[in-house]
Protein backbone atom coordinates (compact mmCIF):
# COMPACT_ATOMS: atom_id res chain seq x y z
CA MET A 1 202.94 96.75 221.69
CA PRO A 2 200.53 96.80 224.32
CA GLY A 3 201.29 94.38 227.01
CA ILE A 4 204.40 93.36 225.93
CA GLY A 5 205.02 89.44 226.31
CA ALA A 6 201.21 89.19 227.43
CA PRO A 7 198.89 87.21 225.59
CA GLN A 8 196.23 89.51 223.98
CA ASP A 9 193.05 87.56 223.91
CA SER A 10 193.17 86.04 227.53
CA ALA A 11 190.43 85.97 229.94
CA ALA A 12 190.72 88.35 233.12
CA LYS A 13 192.02 86.66 235.93
CA LEU A 14 193.58 86.74 239.33
CA HIS A 15 196.65 85.42 240.53
CA ALA A 16 196.47 82.54 243.06
CA TRP A 17 198.56 84.50 245.71
CA ARG A 18 198.53 83.86 249.15
CA ILE A 19 200.60 84.50 252.53
CA GLU A 20 202.04 82.16 254.28
CA ASP A 21 200.74 80.89 257.96
CA ARG A 22 204.55 81.16 259.01
CA GLU A 23 204.74 85.44 257.85
CA TYR A 24 201.57 85.69 259.86
CA ALA A 25 202.86 83.96 262.55
CA ARG A 26 206.44 86.02 262.41
CA HIS A 27 204.78 89.11 262.35
CA GLU A 28 202.52 88.40 265.00
CA ALA A 29 205.30 87.59 266.96
CA ARG A 30 207.32 91.03 266.35
CA ARG A 31 204.46 93.10 267.17
CA GLY A 32 201.73 91.57 268.87
CA ARG A 33 199.45 91.43 265.95
CA ARG A 34 198.96 90.37 262.35
CA PHE A 35 198.37 93.52 260.54
CA ALA A 36 200.79 96.62 260.77
CA PHE A 37 198.31 99.53 261.00
CA PRO A 38 194.77 97.61 262.34
CA SER A 39 193.09 100.57 261.69
CA PHE A 40 193.26 104.14 259.69
CA ALA A 41 191.09 107.09 259.48
CA PRO A 42 189.34 107.03 256.25
CA THR A 43 189.90 110.99 255.75
CA ARG A 44 193.58 111.06 255.80
CA THR A 45 193.68 107.96 253.78
CA ALA A 46 193.96 107.94 250.06
CA LEU A 47 194.12 104.53 247.67
CA VAL A 48 196.95 105.50 245.14
CA ILE A 49 196.41 103.43 241.98
CA ILE A 50 199.25 102.80 239.61
CA ASP A 51 199.47 102.32 235.77
CA MET A 52 195.87 101.25 235.24
CA VAL A 53 196.53 102.39 231.70
CA PRO A 54 195.35 100.59 228.47
CA PHE A 55 198.97 99.81 227.49
CA PHE A 56 199.49 97.50 230.94
CA VAL A 57 195.79 96.11 231.21
CA THR A 58 195.27 95.20 227.61
CA GLY A 59 197.40 92.40 227.16
CA ASN A 60 197.57 91.24 230.91
CA PRO A 61 194.96 89.38 231.80
CA TYR A 62 196.23 89.53 235.56
CA CYS A 63 195.27 93.50 235.31
CA ARG A 64 192.01 93.26 233.75
CA GLY A 65 191.49 90.24 236.55
CA ILE A 66 192.22 93.50 239.61
CA VAL A 67 189.76 95.87 237.94
CA PRO A 68 186.48 95.17 239.69
CA ASN A 69 188.57 94.50 242.85
CA ILE A 70 190.28 97.77 242.66
CA ASP A 71 186.94 99.80 241.68
CA ARG A 72 185.00 98.31 244.91
CA LEU A 73 188.10 100.07 247.29
CA ALA A 74 187.70 103.17 245.47
CA GLN A 75 184.08 103.37 245.65
CA VAL A 76 184.11 102.28 249.61
CA LEU A 77 187.23 104.76 250.25
CA ARG A 78 185.16 107.53 248.73
CA ALA A 79 182.34 107.01 250.50
CA ALA A 80 184.19 107.21 253.44
CA GLY A 81 185.49 110.63 252.73
CA GLY A 82 189.12 109.17 251.64
CA THR A 83 191.03 109.97 248.41
CA VAL A 84 191.32 108.23 245.34
CA ALA A 85 194.66 108.98 242.99
CA TRP A 86 195.38 107.79 239.52
CA VAL A 87 199.06 107.37 238.86
CA LEU A 88 199.93 107.57 235.23
CA PRO A 89 202.92 107.15 233.15
CA ALA A 90 204.24 110.39 231.74
CA VAL A 91 205.54 110.53 228.29
CA THR A 92 209.31 110.48 229.01
CA GLU A 93 212.25 111.90 226.44
CA ARG A 94 214.33 109.01 224.80
CA THR A 95 217.63 108.42 226.14
CA SER A 96 220.47 106.28 224.78
CA ALA A 97 220.62 103.99 228.07
CA ALA A 98 217.27 103.03 227.73
CA GLU A 99 217.11 102.07 223.84
CA GLU A 100 220.18 99.91 224.69
CA PHE A 101 218.68 98.12 227.53
CA TYR A 102 215.25 97.57 226.00
CA GLY A 103 216.14 97.82 221.91
CA PRO A 104 214.33 100.52 220.33
CA ASP A 105 210.75 99.70 219.54
CA ALA A 106 210.10 98.47 223.67
CA GLU A 107 212.21 101.70 224.71
CA GLU A 108 209.89 103.79 222.48
CA ALA A 109 206.81 101.34 223.83
CA PHE A 110 207.29 101.88 227.66
CA ARG A 111 208.48 105.58 227.01
CA THR A 112 204.80 106.59 225.86
CA ALA A 113 203.22 103.45 227.76
CA GLY A 114 201.06 105.99 229.71
CA GLY A 115 199.62 107.94 226.62
CA THR A 116 198.61 110.96 225.57
CA GLY A 117 195.69 113.70 226.16
CA ALA A 118 193.55 114.64 229.20
CA LEU A 119 194.92 112.24 232.14
CA ALA A 120 191.06 110.84 232.66
CA GLU A 121 190.95 109.60 229.53
CA ARG A 122 194.01 107.64 229.68
CA VAL A 123 193.12 105.28 232.30
CA TRP A 124 191.56 102.00 231.83
CA ARG A 125 187.88 102.53 230.51
CA GLU A 126 186.36 100.75 232.63
CA PHE A 127 186.96 102.91 235.58
CA THR A 128 185.25 106.05 236.65
CA ILE A 129 186.96 109.07 237.55
CA HIS A 130 185.24 111.33 240.03
CA ASP A 131 185.83 114.84 240.13
CA ASP A 132 187.61 114.66 243.31
CA ASP A 133 190.22 111.98 242.45
CA VAL A 134 193.35 113.14 242.33
CA LEU A 135 194.89 112.53 238.52
CA VAL A 136 198.89 112.55 237.83
CA GLU A 137 201.60 111.89 235.81
CA LYS A 138 205.30 110.44 236.97
CA SER A 139 208.36 110.44 235.05
CA ALA A 140 210.20 108.04 236.97
CA PRO A 141 209.57 104.39 238.17
CA SER A 142 208.20 105.37 241.50
CA ALA A 143 205.29 108.26 242.19
CA PHE A 144 207.17 108.77 245.28
CA PHE A 145 211.12 109.42 243.73
CA PRO A 146 211.29 113.66 244.87
CA GLY A 147 210.93 115.95 242.06
CA ARG A 148 209.52 113.12 239.31
CA CYS A 149 205.63 113.18 240.50
CA ALA A 150 203.32 115.74 242.10
CA LEU A 151 201.32 112.96 244.00
CA PRO A 152 203.11 113.51 247.29
CA GLU A 153 202.86 116.88 247.57
CA LEU A 154 199.19 116.70 246.28
CA LEU A 155 198.29 113.93 249.20
CA THR A 156 199.79 116.33 251.91
CA ARG A 157 197.84 119.21 250.80
CA ARG A 158 194.77 116.66 251.62
CA GLY A 159 196.38 116.35 255.00
CA ILE A 160 196.79 112.36 253.91
CA ASP A 161 198.91 110.34 255.95
CA THR A 162 197.86 106.78 255.13
CA VAL A 163 198.02 105.29 251.52
CA LEU A 164 196.79 101.80 250.28
CA ILE A 165 198.90 101.16 246.89
CA THR A 166 197.22 98.98 244.46
CA GLY A 167 197.35 98.61 240.53
CA THR A 168 200.47 97.19 238.47
CA VAL A 169 203.78 96.88 239.12
CA THR A 170 203.09 98.36 242.67
CA ASN A 171 206.34 97.01 244.23
CA VAL A 172 208.51 99.21 241.64
CA ALA A 173 205.99 102.26 240.57
CA ALA A 174 204.86 103.31 244.23
CA ASN A 175 206.98 102.42 246.48
CA PRO A 176 206.81 104.89 249.39
CA ARG A 177 209.73 102.80 251.37
CA PRO A 178 207.60 100.92 253.78
CA PRO A 179 207.04 100.33 256.44
CA THR A 180 206.53 104.05 257.15
CA ARG A 181 202.72 105.39 256.16
CA ALA A 182 203.40 108.73 254.85
CA PRO A 183 207.21 109.45 254.05
CA TRP A 184 206.65 112.56 252.40
CA ALA A 185 204.58 114.26 255.41
CA SER A 186 206.32 116.17 258.17
CA ALA A 187 205.83 115.41 261.61
C-alpha cells in the first residue's frame, strides 16, 4: 500500500511554494533581518532527512521531486564537514487506537512504512549513504520526541547545535520545537 492516496505512476515534481513578501517584511521588522540564522558553522550542523523511504517516496511525485535537492544539500554539507542524518520510521507495535483511527489495512501499512532490514538499504534508492552518516529509527511521529529516537543523543555527541530539516512530512516528523537551534543541547 505504498503512498496511500497518491498517484502511482506520475512524474516527479516540485511544489510551487513561495513565501509571501509580507512574511519577509514581518520578520525583518521584528528581528532586523530576513533570516533567523544568517550563518552557521557547518561542522556543528546536521542535515536531518526525514522518512525518505520507498513507502512515502514511491507513490508521491512531490517526494520524488525533492530527491535531487536533498542529495545536493547532503553533498555540500558533508564537503563542509557537517553531518547528514537519515531518520526512518521504526516498525511499531499494533495498537487498537491506531487500527480504529486508520482502519486495519492502513494501520498495518503505516505501522510498517519504514520497512525492515539494514537501515541504509531502506533509504530511497537514489540516495547514497556515506560511512559517516547517522542512520536512526524513530518510533514516534517526531525524531525529537524523548525516548523514541536516538537522534538527539547522537547529534549531541557530535557537537551538533544546528539542524537543517528536510524530507517528507517534516512539519510533524522532526519538529524540534522551533525557533531554537538545538532543544536537546545543554548550555
